[in-house]
Amino acid sequence: MPAVTENHSERIVTVLLGEQSYDIIIGSDVISSAGGRLRDWMEKRCGGAVSRGTCLIVTDANVSRHADAIASVLEAAGWRCERYEIEPGETSKRLEVVSAGWDRLVEMQADRQTVVVAVGGGVVGDAAGFIAAAFARGVPFVQIPTTLLADVDSSVGGKVGINHPRAKNLIGAFHQPIGVLIDLRMLETLPDREYRAGLAEVVKYGMILDAAFFEYLERNVTEINCRDPQTVTYLISRSCELKSQVVEEDEFETTGLRAILNFGHTFAHAFEALSGYESLLHGEAVSVGMVYACRLAEYCGRTDATLTARLVSLLEALHLPVNVSEPGRWNAKEILGRMQLDKKTVQGTLRFVLPNRLGEMELVKGVPEELVLKALQTGGIE
């Protein structure tokens, strides 16, 4: 189980992975001490003093001011910082972008004591992590997420990678960060749509692991919608704790347990790929995908309509989509074809993460295609 501790105004979730263990530090103004924390983390990982502090900050134009602030803090602490700025958006998760990042590390004469620092949302974190995972067979990296979705999901667990034109996250690696810094002040300027996209992943944790957490979300919709600081802090820390629990038990997704984190994602990734990774934010696609997965569970006889209704009610209360906005844009068989490329598919057989009840999921194989098509058609996709 992850260790959770309080330190003054900070909350620390420690992901326990033996020599690869690391801290997720959550609080306001945690960035001000980033220089010292990076050095401590590096010395712990390297087993001794680090001769020189060099880092590549990977970021995008949307969060350039956060990257500027972090660079200033690191440089004041003696770090030599270079910067690699990628284009905002999911289309930056491609090989050309990663290759240019490797070029920057070569130009820096980077070695295994060079740290890649990801400052941004999930796209930046995934791309930066993959840059770090493959360069010199793995250099350290730190996650400094700037969106709610990255706070609660992509910054934790070590999954890094890029998209293939036909499928999301198909190319990647497992590469754990040496630490995660979640500064709550960064959420103050987060656009409303991005904030709500992150809430979809928060709802997911309640659905897959913690019925009491789901009920907490139902009771606190008003506080969540107005971004009450205490409520948001709890959402982030509890989500990180729940994800860490799964990662500790199945770091490399070998037992099937970690697959439950992909609840709704088989549908969502197909929607994202077909939209060209442009019209849907990842959290929006996950929101819709969870509803379709719940309906599929109904048709498989695993749950009844009550659970789907509760999920839809909560998502709508949080102003998240529960159907694709342009149902005529794709047909159900086209979506089914994209699902065949999902990472959970084995020898062409679709597998879905489906609920047995609130807070309990199972990876189910052999789901009849006609039931998948029925779930899509119930959602307005012909």
Protein backbone atom coordinates (compact mmCIF):
# COMPACT_ATOMS: atom_id res chain seq x y z
CA MET A 1 0.00 0.00 0.00
CA PRO A 2 1.29 3.52 -0.76
CA ALA A 3 2.39 5.51 2.27
CA VAL A 4 0.53 8.79 2.80
CA THR A 5 2.00 11.42 5.11
CA GLU A 6 1.37 15.04 6.04
CA ASN A 7 4.23 17.51 6.18
CA HIS A 8 3.12 21.02 7.17
CA SER A 9 0.90 22.14 4.26
CA GLU A 10 2.00 19.28 2.00
CA ARG A 11 0.55 15.87 1.44
CA ILE A 12 3.01 13.17 0.32
CA VAL A 13 2.00 9.92 -1.36
CA THR A 14 4.94 7.51 -1.58
CA VAL A 15 4.74 4.93 -4.36
CA LEU A 16 6.47 1.83 -2.98
CA LEU A 17 8.38 0.10 -5.78
CA GLY A 18 11.58 -0.99 -4.05
CA GLU A 19 14.58 0.86 -5.50
CA GLN A 20 12.22 2.65 -7.89
CA SER A 21 10.06 4.13 -5.08
CA TYR A 22 9.27 7.82 -5.30
CA ASP A 23 7.26 10.59 -3.68
CA ILE A 24 4.29 12.48 -5.06
CA ILE A 25 4.33 15.82 -3.25
CA ILE A 26 1.04 17.75 -3.28
CA GLY A 27 0.63 21.29 -1.99
CA SER A 28 0.70 24.99 -2.74
CA ASP A 29 4.07 26.47 -3.67
CA VAL A 30 5.91 23.14 -3.70
CA ILE A 31 7.73 24.43 -6.79
CA SER A 32 9.71 26.93 -4.71
CA SER A 33 11.80 24.05 -3.33
CA ALA A 34 12.11 22.14 -6.63
CA GLY A 35 15.89 22.63 -6.89
CA GLY A 36 16.67 20.96 -3.58
CA ARG A 37 14.11 18.23 -4.08
CA LEU A 38 15.54 17.30 -7.49
CA ARG A 39 19.03 17.06 -6.04
CA ASP A 40 17.80 14.93 -3.12
CA TRP A 41 15.92 12.61 -5.47
CA MET A 42 18.90 12.31 -7.81
CA GLU A 43 21.34 11.56 -4.98
CA LYS A 44 18.96 8.94 -3.62
CA ARG A 45 18.60 7.32 -7.04
CA CYS A 46 22.34 7.50 -7.84
CA GLY A 47 23.42 6.38 -4.38
CA GLY A 48 25.64 9.38 -3.73
CA ALA A 49 26.44 12.98 -4.57
CA VAL A 50 25.59 14.22 -8.05
CA SER A 51 28.62 15.94 -9.58
CA ARG A 52 26.66 18.44 -11.66
CA GLY A 53 23.01 19.29 -11.97
CA THR A 54 21.85 19.36 -15.58
CA CYS A 55 18.28 19.11 -16.79
CA LEU A 56 16.19 19.36 -19.93
CA ILE A 57 12.82 20.99 -19.29
CA VAL A 58 10.22 19.67 -21.73
CA THR A 59 7.12 21.85 -21.96
CA ASP A 60 4.69 23.48 -24.39
CA ALA A 61 3.62 27.04 -25.21
CA ASN A 62 0.43 26.82 -23.14
CA VAL A 63 2.40 26.57 -19.89
CA SER A 64 5.54 28.50 -20.81
CA ARG A 65 5.20 30.81 -17.80
CA HIS A 66 5.15 27.81 -15.45
CA ALA A 67 8.24 26.45 -17.21
CA ASP A 68 9.93 29.87 -16.85
CA ALA A 69 9.21 29.91 -13.12
CA ILE A 70 10.51 26.38 -12.62
CA ALA A 71 13.65 27.09 -14.65
CA SER A 72 14.34 30.14 -12.46
CA VAL A 73 13.98 28.08 -9.28
CA LEU A 74 16.23 25.31 -10.58
CA GLU A 75 18.90 27.70 -11.86
CA ALA A 76 18.92 29.54 -8.52
CA ALA A 77 19.66 26.16 -6.89
CA GLY A 78 22.62 25.58 -9.20
CA TRP A 79 21.03 23.52 -11.97
CA ARG A 80 22.00 24.13 -15.60
CA CYS A 81 18.74 24.08 -17.55
CA GLU A 82 18.04 23.64 -21.24
CA ARG A 83 14.53 23.81 -22.64
CA TYR A 84 12.63 21.91 -25.32
CA GLU A 85 9.19 23.28 -26.19
CA ILE A 86 6.75 21.13 -28.13
CA GLU A 87 3.48 22.09 -29.78
CA PRO A 88 0.45 21.84 -27.49
CA GLY A 89 -1.95 18.98 -28.12
CA GLU A 90 -2.14 15.24 -28.62
CA THR A 91 -0.56 15.42 -32.08
CA SER A 92 2.81 16.10 -30.41
CA LYS A 93 2.86 12.52 -29.14
CA ARG A 94 4.67 11.31 -32.26
CA LEU A 95 8.11 9.97 -33.10
CA GLU A 96 9.39 13.14 -34.80
CA VAL A 97 8.80 15.16 -31.64
CA VAL A 98 10.51 12.58 -29.45
CA SER A 99 13.44 12.29 -31.86
CA ALA A 100 13.98 16.06 -31.73
CA GLY A 101 14.08 15.74 -27.92
CA TRP A 102 16.82 13.14 -28.20
CA ASP A 103 18.71 15.54 -30.47
CA ARG A 104 18.55 18.19 -27.73
CA LEU A 105 19.97 15.76 -25.18
CA VAL A 106 22.82 14.87 -27.55
CA GLU A 107 23.57 18.56 -28.06
CA MET A 108 23.67 18.97 -24.27
CA GLN A 109 26.10 16.05 -23.97
CA ALA A 110 23.60 14.53 -21.56
CA ASP A 111 24.46 11.50 -19.50
CA ARG A 112 22.66 9.32 -16.97
CA GLN A 113 22.86 12.10 -14.37
CA THR A 114 20.90 14.45 -16.63
CA VAL A 115 17.27 14.84 -15.56
CA VAL A 116 14.37 15.29 -17.97
CA VAL A 117 11.78 17.53 -16.29
CA ALA A 118 8.26 17.38 -17.72
CA VAL A 119 6.31 20.61 -17.14
CA GLY A 120 2.84 20.37 -18.63
CA GLY A 121 -0.19 18.17 -19.06
CA GLY A 122 -0.44 14.54 -20.04
CA VAL A 123 0.93 15.01 -23.56
CA VAL A 124 4.09 16.69 -22.27
CA GLY A 125 4.52 14.10 -19.53
CA ASP A 126 4.06 11.13 -21.88
CA ALA A 127 6.42 12.53 -24.54
CA ALA A 128 9.06 13.69 -22.05
CA GLY A 129 8.92 10.38 -20.22
CA PHE A 130 9.44 8.46 -23.45
CA ILE A 131 12.36 10.72 -24.35
CA ALA A 132 13.89 9.90 -20.96
CA ALA A 133 13.07 6.18 -21.11
CA ALA A 134 14.85 5.56 -24.41
CA PHE A 135 17.82 7.94 -24.23
CA ALA A 136 20.97 6.15 -23.02
CA ARG A 137 18.62 3.26 -22.15
CA GLY A 138 16.99 5.40 -19.51
CA VAL A 139 17.77 8.69 -17.80
CA PRO A 140 15.94 10.06 -14.73
CA PHE A 141 12.88 12.20 -15.17
CA VAL A 142 10.60 14.25 -12.95
CA GLN A 143 6.92 14.99 -13.49
CA ILE A 144 5.63 18.50 -12.74
CA PRO A 145 2.04 18.30 -14.01
CA THR A 146 0.06 21.46 -14.75
CA THR A 147 -3.42 20.02 -15.36
CA LEU A 148 -5.83 18.14 -13.12
CA LEU A 149 -5.83 15.16 -15.46
CA ALA A 150 -2.05 14.91 -15.35
CA ASP A 151 -2.10 15.41 -11.56
CA VAL A 152 -4.34 12.42 -10.94
CA ASP A 153 -3.43 10.11 -13.79
CA SER A 154 -0.63 10.46 -16.33
CA SER A 155 2.05 11.81 -13.96
CA VAL A 156 1.80 8.71 -11.74
CA GLY A 157 2.70 5.13 -12.60
CA GLY A 158 5.48 5.35 -15.17
CA LYS A 159 3.53 4.72 -18.38
CA VAL A 160 5.15 6.86 -21.07
CA GLY A 161 4.80 6.83 -24.82
CA ILE A 162 3.45 8.20 -28.05
CA ASN A 163 0.57 7.56 -30.40
CA HIS A 164 0.45 5.64 -33.65
CA PRO A 165 -1.73 7.26 -36.34
CA ARG A 166 -4.18 4.39 -35.95
CA ALA A 167 -4.13 3.90 -32.17
CA LYS A 168 -3.42 5.90 -29.02
CA ASN A 169 -0.41 5.13 -26.78
CA LEU A 170 0.55 2.12 -28.88
CA ILE A 171 4.31 2.83 -28.69
CA GLY A 172 5.87 3.32 -25.28
CA ALA A 173 7.59 2.00 -22.20
CA PHE A 174 7.35 1.72 -18.42
CA HIS A 175 9.72 4.28 -16.90
CA GLN A 176 8.99 5.52 -13.39
CA PRO A 177 9.75 9.15 -12.48
CA ILE A 178 12.12 9.83 -9.61
CA GLY A 179 9.53 12.20 -8.16
CA VAL A 180 6.33 14.11 -8.86
CA LEU A 181 5.62 17.70 -7.80
CA ILE A 182 1.97 18.77 -7.86
CA ASP A 183 1.68 22.49 -7.18
CA LEU A 184 -1.99 23.33 -6.60
CA ARG A 185 -1.48 26.94 -7.63
CA MET A 186 -1.10 25.84 -11.23
CA LEU A 187 -4.76 24.84 -11.30
CA GLU A 188 -5.82 28.44 -10.64
CA THR A 189 -5.31 29.34 -14.30
CA LEU A 190 -6.45 26.01 -15.76
CA PRO A 191 -9.31 26.53 -18.28
CA ASP A 192 -12.66 25.15 -17.17
CA ARG A 193 -12.82 22.57 -19.96
CA GLU A 194 -9.41 21.18 -18.97
CA TYR A 195 -10.41 21.08 -15.30
CA ARG A 196 -13.53 19.09 -16.09
CA ALA A 197 -11.63 16.70 -18.35
CA GLY A 198 -9.48 15.86 -15.33
CA LEU A 199 -12.56 15.19 -13.25
CA ALA A 200 -13.44 12.29 -15.54
CA GLU A 201 -10.35 10.42 -14.36
CA VAL A 202 -11.23 11.27 -10.74
CA VAL A 203 -14.69 9.73 -11.23
CA LYS A 204 -12.99 6.69 -12.76
CA TYR A 205 -11.12 5.96 -9.52
CA GLY A 206 -14.36 5.84 -7.60
CA MET A 207 -15.91 3.55 -10.19
CA ILE A 208 -13.04 1.07 -10.30
CA LEU A 209 -11.69 0.98 -6.74
CA ASP A 210 -13.54 2.97 -4.10
CA ALA A 211 -17.31 3.14 -3.81
CA ALA A 212 -17.00 5.48 -0.80
CA PHE A 213 -14.93 7.90 -2.90
CA PHE A 214 -17.58 7.82 -5.64
CA GLU A 215 -20.22 8.63 -3.03
CA TYR A 216 -18.04 11.49 -1.76
CA LEU A 217 -18.02 12.90 -5.29
CA GLU A 218 -21.81 12.63 -5.49
CA ARG A 219 -22.18 14.52 -2.18
CA ASN A 220 -19.70 17.27 -3.03
CA VAL A 221 -20.60 18.28 -6.59
CA THR A 222 -21.05 21.94 -5.63
CA GLU A 223 -17.61 22.15 -4.00
CA ILE A 224 -16.01 20.33 -6.92
CA ASN A 225 -17.62 22.59 -9.50
CA CYS A 226 -16.48 25.75 -7.73
CA ARG A 227 -12.94 24.33 -7.24
CA ASP A 228 -13.00 24.50 -3.46
CA PRO A 229 -9.27 24.20 -2.57
CA GLN A 230 -9.71 21.71 0.27
CA THR A 231 -11.96 19.52 -1.86
CA VAL A 232 -9.63 19.63 -4.88
CA THR A 233 -6.64 18.74 -2.69
CA TYR A 234 -8.48 15.68 -1.42
CA LEU A 235 -9.54 14.66 -4.94
CA ILE A 236 -5.93 14.76 -6.12
CA SER A 237 -4.37 13.03 -3.13
CA ARG A 238 -6.97 10.25 -2.98
CA SER A 239 -6.74 9.67 -6.73
CA CYS A 240 -2.95 9.45 -6.56
CA GLU A 241 -3.21 7.07 -3.61
CA LEU A 242 -5.62 4.78 -5.45
CA LYS A 243 -3.57 4.72 -8.64
CA SER A 244 -0.37 4.11 -6.68
CA GLN A 245 -2.00 1.15 -4.97
CA VAL A 246 -2.65 -0.50 -8.33
CA VAL A 247 0.80 0.38 -9.72
CA GLU A 248 2.52 -1.17 -6.69
CA GLU A 249 0.67 -4.43 -7.21
CA ASP A 250 1.06 -4.61 -11.00
CA GLU A 251 3.76 -2.18 -12.14
CA PHE A 252 4.22 -3.67 -15.61
CA GLU A 253 0.61 -4.74 -16.23
CA THR A 254 1.45 -8.42 -16.10
CA THR A 255 -1.28 -9.74 -13.78
CA GLY A 256 -4.14 -7.85 -15.38
CA LEU A 257 -4.86 -5.78 -12.26
CA ARG A 258 -3.42 -2.58 -13.70
CA ALA A 259 -5.73 -2.93 -16.69
CA ILE A 260 -8.63 -1.76 -14.52
CA LEU A 261 -7.14 1.74 -14.76
CA ASN A 262 -8.27 1.64 -18.39
CA PHE A 263 -11.97 1.51 -17.55
CA GLY A 264 -13.74 3.28 -20.42
CA HIS A 265 -10.48 3.72 -22.32
CA THR A 266 -11.08 1.08 -25.00
CA PHE A 267 -14.00 3.15 -26.25
CA ALA A 268 -12.26 6.44 -25.49
CA HIS A 269 -9.06 5.67 -27.39
CA ALA A 270 -11.07 4.66 -30.45
CA PHE A 271 -12.99 7.96 -30.32
CA GLU A 272 -9.75 9.92 -29.96
CA ALA A 273 -8.01 8.14 -32.82
CA LEU A 274 -10.96 8.58 -35.17
CA SER A 275 -11.17 12.28 -34.30
CA GLY A 276 -7.50 12.72 -35.19
CA TYR A 277 -6.73 13.55 -31.54
CA GLU A 278 -8.23 16.99 -32.05
CA SER A 279 -11.93 17.46 -31.25
CA LEU A 280 -12.04 15.50 -27.97
CA LEU A 281 -9.92 16.02 -24.88
CA HIS A 282 -8.76 12.75 -23.36
CA GLY A 283 -10.88 13.20 -20.24
CA GLU A 284 -13.96 13.95 -22.33
CA ALA A 285 -13.42 10.76 -24.33
CA VAL A 286 -12.96 8.80 -21.09
CA SER A 287 -16.19 10.26 -19.70
CA VAL A 288 -18.15 9.01 -22.71
CA GLY A 289 -16.21 5.74 -22.79
CA MET A 290 -17.08 4.92 -19.18
CA VAL A 291 -20.79 5.30 -19.95
CA TYR A 292 -20.53 3.00 -22.98
CA ALA A 293 -18.56 0.46 -20.91
CA CYS A 294 -21.24 0.54 -18.22
CA ARG A 295 -23.91 -0.10 -20.81
CA LEU A 296 -21.86 -2.96 -22.20
CA ALA A 297 -21.67 -4.45 -18.69
CA GLU A 298 -25.46 -4.28 -18.53
CA TYR A 299 -25.82 -6.13 -21.82
CA CYS A 300 -23.33 -8.75 -20.59
CA GLY A 301 -25.54 -9.30 -17.54
CA ARG A 302 -22.87 -8.10 -15.10
CA THR A 303 -24.71 -5.05 -13.73
CA ASP A 304 -28.10 -3.42 -13.99
CA ALA A 305 -29.09 0.00 -15.28
CA THR A 306 -28.84 1.60 -11.82
CA LEU A 307 -25.06 1.87 -11.93
CA THR A 308 -25.08 3.42 -15.40
CA ALA A 309 -27.71 5.91 -14.28
CA ARG A 310 -25.61 6.94 -11.25
CA LEU A 311 -22.52 7.37 -13.41
CA VAL A 312 -24.40 9.44 -16.01
CA SER A 313 -25.95 11.59 -13.29
CA LEU A 314 -22.58 12.37 -11.69
CA LEU A 315 -20.83 13.07 -15.00
CA GLU A 316 -23.62 15.40 -16.11
CA ALA A 317 -23.54 17.19 -12.73
CA LEU A 318 -19.82 17.79 -13.33
CA HIS A 319 -20.63 19.10 -16.84
CA LEU A 320 -18.94 16.22 -18.63
CA PRO A 321 -20.19 14.60 -21.86
CA VAL A 322 -21.95 11.25 -21.75
CA ASN A 323 -22.34 10.77 -25.53
CA VAL A 324 -20.17 11.62 -28.52
CA SER A 325 -21.16 15.04 -29.85
CA GLU A 326 -21.13 14.01 -33.53
CA PRO A 327 -22.60 10.49 -33.61
CA GLY A 328 -22.98 10.53 -37.41
CA ARG A 329 -19.28 11.15 -37.92
CA TRP A 330 -18.33 7.47 -37.47
CA ASN A 331 -20.25 4.24 -37.62
CA ALA A 332 -20.21 1.52 -34.99
CA LYS A 333 -18.25 -0.99 -37.10
CA GLU A 334 -15.57 1.62 -37.79
CA ILE A 335 -15.18 2.19 -34.05
CA LEU A 336 -15.08 -1.56 -33.46
CA GLY A 337 -12.23 -1.83 -35.97
CA ARG A 338 -10.22 0.77 -34.07
CA MET A 339 -10.82 -1.12 -30.85
CA GLN A 340 -9.09 -4.15 -32.38
CA LEU A 341 -5.85 -2.14 -32.06
CA ASP A 342 -6.32 -1.57 -28.33
CA LYS A 343 -3.41 -2.73 -26.15
CA LYS A 344 -5.76 -5.01 -24.18
CA THR A 345 -6.70 -6.93 -27.34
CA VAL A 346 -5.11 -10.39 -27.49
CA GLN A 347 -4.93 -12.28 -30.81
CA GLY A 348 -7.72 -10.14 -32.20
CA THR A 349 -10.05 -10.84 -29.26
CA LEU A 350 -11.42 -7.72 -27.58
CA ARG A 351 -11.10 -7.43 -23.82
CA PHE A 352 -12.92 -4.79 -21.81
CA VAL A 353 -12.68 -3.50 -18.25
CA LEU A 354 -16.24 -3.90 -17.00
CA PRO A 355 -17.89 -3.31 -13.61
CA ASN A 356 -19.30 -6.04 -11.41
CA ARG A 357 -20.51 -3.40 -8.98
CA LEU A 358 -19.52 0.10 -7.91
CA GLY A 359 -15.85 0.02 -6.88
CA GLU A 360 -15.13 -3.40 -8.41
CA MET A 361 -13.92 -4.03 -11.96
CA GLU A 362 -12.78 -7.02 -13.98
CA LEU A 363 -10.90 -7.46 -17.25
CA VAL A 364 -13.34 -9.44 -19.38
CA LYS A 365 -12.39 -11.30 -22.55
CA GLY A 366 -14.58 -12.86 -25.18
CA VAL A 367 -17.20 -10.09 -25.18
CA PRO A 368 -19.49 -10.73 -28.19
CA GLU A 369 -19.09 -8.07 -30.87
CA GLU A 370 -22.85 -7.76 -31.24
CA LEU A 371 -23.07 -6.53 -27.62
CA VAL A 372 -20.33 -3.96 -28.24
CA LEU A 373 -22.23 -2.74 -31.32
CA LYS A 374 -25.41 -2.60 -29.24
CA ALA A 375 -23.70 -0.44 -26.60
CA LEU A 376 -22.50 1.93 -29.32
CA GLN A 377 -25.89 2.06 -30.99
CA THR A 378 -27.63 2.77 -27.68
CA GLY A 379 -25.34 5.81 -27.48
CA GLY A 380 -26.56 7.03 -30.86
CA ILE A 381 -23.81 5.57 -33.07
CA GLU A 382 -25.22 3.56 -35.95
